[in-house]
Each structure stands twice: as structure tokens, then as C-alpha cells.
Amino acid sequence: MAKTITFAVIHFSIATLVAFTLTGDFLLGSLIAIIEPSINTVAFYFHEKAWQQLPFLKKRESMTKVKTVSFAIIHFNVAFAVTYALTGDAFIGGLMAAIEPAINSFAYFFHEKAWGKKAKNTEYEIEQAMCA
């Protein structure tokens, strides 16, 4: 759950900046920035569960680029749907779907790398404690 929370903080921050920039409306931008990352945070949780439990995906979990693309596809769709639903403007929905997930996919890649490194360090520390 800590991994989901750290990604949520990153996601909300990026969504807020992008949505406000695109709409020029603080209230509408904030609403998009609350709803879109909320839905994507839930999607992220289930995406992680799928990658941990489905044998086909589990074998490829260390393939950060593939995992990033799979989440990006979900993210693009959610970003467009939420923004279009709230603005009624397909152009702004399309911009939000292109810009915000692209920035978040970049952030996701490095977030995934950091958590992978953390997991390896934890395994190493456990091994060292067992040897001592």
C-alpha cells in the first residue's frame, strides 16, 4: 500500500498542475486533478495486483518498460474520460490524455525503478541478517 500512496502523491501533483494549466480554471482544474488521479490510483492498485498474481505478468514484472506501457494505456483512457466528462470538450480531454499521462508515465518509470531498488536492498538486508 505504501507504493500506491507514494505514486498517488506524485500523480495528484502532476494532475493538478496540468489540469489547471489546460483549463485556466482553478475549480475545474482542481476537480479534474482530484477525480482523475483518484480513479487512476485505484487502477494502479489493481494493476499492481495483476502484475503480482497473474503468472504471465509476474514473469515479466522486472520489465519496467513493458509494465509502464501497460499502465500508461489505462492512464490515457481514464484521463481522457474524466476530463471530457467534466469539460465537455474533446480537445481539452485529448490534451489532458496526452500530456498528463505522458508526464506521469515518465514519473511512474522512475517510481517503479526506485521501488525495485528498495525491494532488492530489503532482500539484501534480510540475507545479511540471516548470515550474522
C-alpha atoms as a PDB file:
ATOM      1  CA  MET A   1       0.000   0.000   0.000  1.00  0.00           C
ATOM      2  CA  ALA A   2       2.923   2.375   0.643  1.00  0.00           C
ATOM      3  CA  LYS A   3       3.908   2.068  -3.014  1.00  0.00           C
ATOM      4  CA  THR A   4       0.378   3.068  -4.076  1.00  0.00           C
ATOM      5  CA  ILE A   5       0.364   6.049  -1.698  1.00  0.00           C
ATOM      6  CA  THR A   6       3.710   7.370  -2.932  1.00  0.00           C
ATOM      7  CA  PHE A   7       2.556   7.081  -6.528  1.00  0.00           C
ATOM      8  CA  ALA A   8      -0.724   8.824  -5.643  1.00  0.00           C
ATOM      9  CA  VAL A   9       1.158  11.838  -4.249  1.00  0.00           C
ATOM     10  CA  ILE A  10       3.203  12.124  -7.444  1.00  0.00           C
ATOM     11  CA  HIS A  11       0.122  11.656  -9.602  1.00  0.00           C
ATOM     12  CA  PHE A  12      -2.053  14.226  -7.801  1.00  0.00           C
ATOM     13  CA  SER A  13       0.726  16.819  -8.013  1.00  0.00           C
ATOM     14  CA  ILE A  14       1.249  16.381 -11.734  1.00  0.00           C
ATOM     15  CA  ALA A  15      -2.500  16.241 -12.484  1.00  0.00           C
ATOM     16  CA  THR A  16      -3.153  19.450 -10.574  1.00  0.00           C
ATOM     17  CA  LEU A  17      -0.508  21.383 -12.472  1.00  0.00           C
ATOM     18  CA  VAL A  18      -1.556  20.072 -15.887  1.00  0.00           C
ATOM     19  CA  ALA A  19      -5.328  20.389 -15.377  1.00  0.00           C
ATOM     20  CA  PHE A  20      -5.077  23.949 -14.101  1.00  0.00           C
ATOM     21  CA  THR A  21      -2.743  24.898 -16.953  1.00  0.00           C
ATOM     22  CA  LEU A  22      -5.109  23.443 -19.581  1.00  0.00           C
ATOM     23  CA  THR A  23      -8.378  24.791 -18.208  1.00  0.00           C
ATOM     24  CA  GLY A  24      -7.217  28.080 -16.714  1.00  0.00           C
ATOM     25  CA  ASP A  25      -9.962  27.478 -14.165  1.00  0.00           C
ATOM     26  CA  PHE A  26      -8.785  26.679 -10.656  1.00  0.00           C
ATOM     27  CA  LEU A  27     -12.040  24.975  -9.585  1.00  0.00           C
ATOM     28  CA  LEU A  28     -12.397  22.869 -12.736  1.00  0.00           C
ATOM     29  CA  GLY A  29      -8.681  22.074 -12.812  1.00  0.00           C
ATOM     30  CA  SER A  30      -8.805  21.035  -9.162  1.00  0.00           C
ATOM     31  CA  LEU A  31     -11.858  18.860  -9.745  1.00  0.00           C
ATOM     32  CA  ILE A  32     -10.147  17.080 -12.635  1.00  0.00           C
ATOM     33  CA  ALA A  33      -6.991  16.793 -10.560  1.00  0.00           C
ATOM     34  CA  ILE A  34      -8.915  15.133  -7.725  1.00  0.00           C
ATOM     35  CA  ILE A  35     -11.087  12.755  -9.716  1.00  0.00           C
ATOM     36  CA  GLU A  36      -8.641  11.611 -12.405  1.00  0.00           C
ATOM     37  CA  PRO A  37      -5.804  10.596 -10.041  1.00  0.00           C
ATOM     38  CA  SER A  38      -8.307   9.043  -7.619  1.00  0.00           C
ATOM     39  CA  ILE A  39      -9.577   6.720 -10.322  1.00  0.00           C
ATOM     40  CA  ASN A  40      -6.042   6.064 -11.549  1.00  0.00           C
ATOM     41  CA  THR A  41      -4.813   5.334  -8.026  1.00  0.00           C
ATOM     42  CA  VAL A  42      -7.432   2.595  -7.715  1.00  0.00           C
ATOM     43  CA  ALA A  43      -6.486   1.395 -11.201  1.00  0.00           C
ATOM     44  CA  PHE A  44      -2.805   1.445 -10.153  1.00  0.00           C
ATOM     45  CA  TYR A  45      -3.597  -0.766  -7.133  1.00  0.00           C
ATOM     46  CA  PHE A  46      -5.346  -3.372  -9.293  1.00  0.00           C
ATOM     47  CA  HIS A  47      -2.670  -3.070 -11.971  1.00  0.00           C
ATOM     48  CA  GLU A  48      -0.047  -3.898  -9.317  1.00  0.00           C
ATOM     49  CA  LYS A  49      -2.130  -6.827  -8.040  1.00  0.00           C
ATOM     50  CA  ALA A  50      -2.472  -8.202 -11.573  1.00  0.00           C
ATOM     51  CA  TRP A  51       1.289  -7.958 -12.166  1.00  0.00           C
ATOM     52  CA  GLN A  52       1.960  -9.723  -8.850  1.00  0.00           C
ATOM     53  CA  GLN A  53      -0.587 -12.522  -9.248  1.00  0.00           C
ATOM     54  CA  LEU A  54      -1.053 -13.421 -12.912  1.00  0.00           C
ATOM     55  CA  PRO A  55       1.696 -15.877 -13.924  1.00  0.00           C
ATOM     56  CA  PHE A  56       2.092 -14.370 -17.414  1.00  0.00           C
ATOM     57  CA  LEU A  57       2.668 -10.889 -15.965  1.00  0.00           C
ATOM     58  CA  LYS A  58       4.545 -11.995 -12.861  1.00  0.00           C
ATOM     59  CA  LYS A  59       7.295 -13.496 -15.046  1.00  0.00           C
ATOM     60  CA  ARG A  60       7.705 -10.074 -16.671  1.00  0.00           C
ATOM     61  CA  GLU A  61       7.362  -7.859 -13.581  1.00  0.00           C
ATOM     62  CA  SER A  62      11.004  -6.801 -13.773  1.00  0.00           C
ATOM     63  CA  MET A  63      10.409  -5.500 -17.320  1.00  0.00           C
ATOM     64  CA  THR A  64       9.818  -1.934 -16.191  1.00  0.00           C
ATOM     65  CA  LYS A  65       9.244  -0.578 -19.702  1.00  0.00           C
ATOM     66  CA  VAL A  66       6.518  -3.115 -20.501  1.00  0.00           C
ATOM     67  CA  LYS A  67       4.851  -2.563 -17.141  1.00  0.00           C
ATOM     68  CA  THR A  68       4.985   1.207 -17.670  1.00  0.00           C
ATOM     69  CA  VAL A  69       3.315   0.936 -21.086  1.00  0.00           C
ATOM     70  CA  SER A  70       0.554  -1.284 -19.697  1.00  0.00           C
ATOM     71  CA  PHE A  71      -0.286   1.259 -17.019  1.00  0.00           C
ATOM     72  CA  ALA A  72       0.048   4.173 -19.456  1.00  0.00           C
ATOM     73  CA  ILE A  73      -2.714   2.699 -21.627  1.00  0.00           C
ATOM     74  CA  ILE A  74      -5.069   2.616 -18.647  1.00  0.00           C
ATOM     75  CA  HIS A  75      -3.984   6.093 -17.609  1.00  0.00           C
ATOM     76  CA  PHE A  76      -4.558   7.697 -21.046  1.00  0.00           C
ATOM     77  CA  ASN A  77      -8.110   6.344 -21.165  1.00  0.00           C
ATOM     78  CA  VAL A  78      -9.006   7.492 -17.659  1.00  0.00           C
ATOM     79  CA  ALA A  79      -7.513  10.954 -18.207  1.00  0.00           C
ATOM     80  CA  PHE A  80      -9.496  11.494 -21.401  1.00  0.00           C
ATOM     81  CA  ALA A  81     -12.769  10.146 -19.974  1.00  0.00           C
ATOM     82  CA  VAL A  82     -12.644  12.225 -16.789  1.00  0.00           C
ATOM     83  CA  THR A  83     -11.565  15.450 -18.482  1.00  0.00           C
ATOM     84  CA  TYR A  84     -14.098  15.100 -21.288  1.00  0.00           C
ATOM     85  CA  ALA A  85     -16.877  14.289 -18.799  1.00  0.00           C
ATOM     86  CA  LEU A  86     -16.090  17.396 -16.734  1.00  0.00           C
ATOM     87  CA  THR A  87     -15.370  19.873 -19.526  1.00  0.00           C
ATOM     88  CA  GLY A  88     -17.480  18.553 -22.396  1.00  0.00           C
ATOM     89  CA  ASP A  89     -14.514  19.444 -24.601  1.00  0.00           C
ATOM     90  CA  ALA A  90     -12.893  16.590 -26.536  1.00  0.00           C
ATOM     91  CA  PHE A  91      -9.890  18.779 -27.424  1.00  0.00           C
ATOM     92  CA  ILE A  92      -9.072  19.540 -23.782  1.00  0.00           C
ATOM     93  CA  GLY A  93      -9.802  15.889 -22.943  1.00  0.00           C
ATOM     94  CA  GLY A  94      -7.358  14.851 -25.648  1.00  0.00           C
ATOM     95  CA  LEU A  95      -4.701  17.284 -24.454  1.00  0.00           C
ATOM     96  CA  MET A  96      -5.106  16.094 -20.876  1.00  0.00           C
ATOM     97  CA  ALA A  97      -4.947  12.477 -22.070  1.00  0.00           C
ATOM     98  CA  ALA A  98      -1.749  13.173 -23.986  1.00  0.00           C
ATOM     99  CA  ILE A  99       0.122  15.451 -21.599  1.00  0.00           C
ATOM    100  CA  GLU A 100      -0.723  14.370 -18.061  1.00  0.00           C
ATOM    101  CA  PRO A 101      -0.296  10.584 -18.530  1.00  0.00           C
ATOM    102  CA  ALA A 102       2.898  11.135 -20.524  1.00  0.00           C
ATOM    103  CA  ILE A 103       4.427  13.079 -17.627  1.00  0.00           C
ATOM    104  CA  ASN A 104       3.070  10.574 -15.118  1.00  0.00           C
ATOM    105  CA  SER A 105       4.337   7.618 -17.182  1.00  0.00           C
ATOM    106  CA  PHE A 106       7.800   9.135 -17.023  1.00  0.00           C
ATOM    107  CA  ALA A 107       7.373   9.564 -13.253  1.00  0.00           C
ATOM    108  CA  TYR A 108       5.933   6.019 -12.989  1.00  0.00           C
ATOM    109  CA  PHE A 109       9.036   4.554 -14.666  1.00  0.00           C
ATOM    110  CA  PHE A 110      11.348   6.141 -12.094  1.00  0.00           C
ATOM    111  CA  HIS A 111       8.939   5.346  -9.251  1.00  0.00           C
ATOM    112  CA  GLU A 112       8.985   1.690 -10.348  1.00  0.00           C
ATOM    113  CA  LYS A 113      12.797   1.708 -10.552  1.00  0.00           C
ATOM    114  CA  ALA A 114      13.057   3.205  -7.041  1.00  0.00           C
ATOM    115  CA  TRP A 115      10.711   0.614  -5.568  1.00  0.00           C
ATOM    116  CA  GLY A 116      12.579  -2.182  -7.363  1.00  0.00           C
ATOM    117  CA  LYS A 117      15.828  -0.950  -5.861  1.00  0.00           C
ATOM    118  CA  LYS A 118      14.182  -0.695  -2.433  1.00  0.00           C
ATOM    119  CA  ALA A 119      12.973  -4.310  -2.714  1.00  0.00           C
ATOM    120  CA  LYS A 120      16.456  -5.530  -3.661  1.00  0.00           C
ATOM    121  CA  ASN A 121      18.024  -3.625  -0.752  1.00  0.00           C
ATOM    122  CA  THR A 122      15.474  -5.125   1.637  1.00  0.00           C
ATOM    123  CA  GLU A 123      16.235  -8.646   0.353  1.00  0.00           C
ATOM    124  CA  TYR A 124      19.958  -7.999   0.793  1.00  0.00           C
ATOM    125  CA  GLU A 125      19.458  -6.730   4.370  1.00  0.00           C
ATOM    126  CA  ILE A 126      17.390  -9.831   5.223  1.00  0.00           C
ATOM    127  CA  GLU A 127      20.089 -12.085   3.781  1.00  0.00           C
ATOM    128  CA  GLN A 128      22.768 -10.254   5.781  1.00  0.00           C
ATOM    129  CA  ALA A 129      20.745 -10.521   8.992  1.00  0.00           C
ATOM    130  CA  MET A 130      20.268 -14.258   8.454  1.00  0.00           C
ATOM    131  CA  CYS A 131      24.016 -14.767   7.882  1.00  0.00           C
ATOM    132  CA  ALA A 132      25.001 -12.856  11.018  1.00  0.00           C
END
